[in-house]
């Protein structure tokens, strides 16, 4: 079975993380959120694994 990286678009990222587009952009600029991947033209996406890791890190920080 092959494992592959999935790129998710903005609409899905917004639904998954529950933040606004502006908040994500601000966090990206501060280095607090995974960087977007340019797909061409005006299209961007994020690596699903990086979003999952970001969520896991937030969850871990709540445990301490």
Foldseek 3Di string as FASTA:
>chain_A
DDDDWDWAFPVVLCVVPVDDPVVQVVCVVVVLAADWDDPDDPTITGTPVRSVVSVVVVVVVVVD
